[in-house]
Amino acid sequence: MRYQMWHNDWNYRSDHMSGGDWWWMGFMTLFWVAVLALAVWMVIRLSRAIESRHVSVDHRETPRETLDRRYAAGEIDSATYTEMRARLSGTDPGPL
């Protein structure tokens, strides 16, 4: 009997998709979906890292912002805050 590429007999594999290759096709689909998802995740993560680096370099906290932040956090009291703010603005705070 001559070999035929496509068998229609139930005892043999009739073609690539009827025997057991469905799982392989499903696996390859899931593999490429995972590769694509990983690539998208890496691009998003890299762009956020680059963006955060630019924000931190572009913005430096001014002395007034530092003073305000320290006062808001409770590190200094109101008298010290008033005195330091007057020094930063170049005016004399006067006697306390």
Protein backbone atom coordinates (compact mmCIF):
# COMPACT_ATOMS: atom_id res chain seq x y z
CA MET A 1 0.00 0.00 0.00
CA ARG A 2 1.32 3.34 -0.97
CA TYR A 3 1.72 5.98 1.74
CA GLN A 4 -0.94 8.61 1.66
CA MET A 5 -0.46 11.95 3.30
CA TRP A 6 -4.07 12.24 4.46
CA HIS A 7 -5.71 9.17 5.95
CA ASN A 8 -9.41 9.04 6.63
CA ASP A 9 -9.19 5.97 8.78
CA TRP A 10 -10.01 6.28 12.50
CA ASN A 11 -7.14 3.97 13.42
CA TYR A 12 -4.53 6.41 12.16
CA ARG A 13 -3.95 10.07 12.53
CA SER A 14 -5.81 11.63 9.67
CA ASP A 15 -4.11 15.04 9.75
CA HIS A 16 -2.28 17.39 12.04
CA MET A 17 -5.32 18.75 13.85
CA SER A 18 -7.33 15.63 14.51
CA GLY A 19 -4.80 13.50 16.32
CA GLY A 20 -3.44 15.32 19.30
CA ASP A 21 -1.90 18.49 18.06
CA TRP A 22 -4.68 20.72 19.42
CA TRP A 23 -2.90 20.99 22.77
CA TRP A 24 0.28 22.07 21.00
CA MET A 25 -1.54 24.82 19.13
CA GLY A 26 -3.16 25.97 22.38
CA PHE A 27 0.19 25.97 24.15
CA MET A 28 1.82 28.04 21.41
CA THR A 29 -1.06 30.54 21.49
CA LEU A 30 -0.71 30.92 25.26
CA PHE A 31 3.05 31.22 24.92
CA TRP A 32 2.84 34.11 22.44
CA VAL A 33 0.14 35.85 24.48
CA ALA A 34 2.44 35.61 27.53
CA VAL A 35 5.41 36.95 25.53
CA LEU A 36 3.33 39.88 24.28
CA ALA A 37 2.00 40.63 27.78
CA LEU A 38 5.54 40.54 29.19
CA ALA A 39 6.75 42.94 26.50
CA VAL A 40 3.91 45.39 27.23
CA TRP A 41 4.58 45.16 30.98
CA MET A 42 8.30 45.85 30.46
CA VAL A 43 7.62 48.90 28.26
CA ILE A 44 5.19 50.35 30.82
CA ARG A 45 7.58 49.72 33.71
CA LEU A 46 10.53 51.21 31.84
CA SER A 47 8.58 54.31 30.81
CA ARG A 48 7.46 54.88 34.43
CA ALA A 49 11.04 54.52 35.66
CA ILE A 50 12.31 57.01 33.11
CA GLU A 51 9.47 59.41 33.92
CA SER A 52 10.11 59.25 37.68
CA ARG A 53 13.82 59.87 37.12
CA HIS A 54 13.06 63.01 35.08
CA VAL A 55 10.60 64.33 37.67
CA SER A 56 13.06 63.95 40.52
CA VAL A 57 15.85 65.63 38.57
CA ASP A 58 13.71 68.50 37.28
CA HIS A 59 12.19 69.49 40.63
CA ARG A 60 14.37 70.57 43.52
CA GLU A 61 12.74 71.56 46.74
CA THR A 62 13.22 75.25 47.52
CA PRO A 63 14.27 76.33 51.01
CA ARG A 64 10.76 77.72 51.58
CA GLU A 65 9.20 74.38 50.60
CA THR A 66 11.59 72.58 52.94
CA LEU A 67 10.63 74.94 55.76
CA ASP A 68 6.92 74.48 55.05
CA ARG A 69 7.29 70.70 54.92
CA ARG A 70 9.19 70.59 58.21
CA TYR A 71 6.59 72.81 59.91
CA ALA A 72 3.73 70.68 58.55
CA ALA A 73 5.43 67.52 59.78
CA GLY A 74 5.80 69.00 63.27
CA GLU A 75 9.59 69.06 63.22
CA ILE A 76 9.71 72.76 64.16
CA ASP A 77 7.41 74.95 66.23
CA SER A 78 5.59 78.09 65.06
CA ALA A 79 8.13 80.52 66.57
CA THR A 80 11.02 78.84 64.78
CA TYR A 81 8.96 78.68 61.58
CA THR A 82 8.18 82.41 61.72
CA GLU A 83 11.80 83.32 62.44
CA MET A 84 13.21 81.14 59.67
CA ARG A 85 10.62 82.32 57.17
CA ALA A 86 11.55 85.94 57.91
CA ARG A 87 15.23 85.11 57.44
CA LEU A 88 14.51 83.48 54.11
CA SER A 89 12.54 86.47 52.88
CA GLY A 90 15.26 88.87 54.07
CA THR A 91 13.22 90.70 56.68
CA ASP A 92 13.92 91.04 60.37
CA PRO A 93 11.58 88.88 62.44
CA GLY A 94 11.79 91.30 65.34
CA PRO A 95 12.12 90.44 69.00
CA LEU A 96 10.36 87.34 70.18
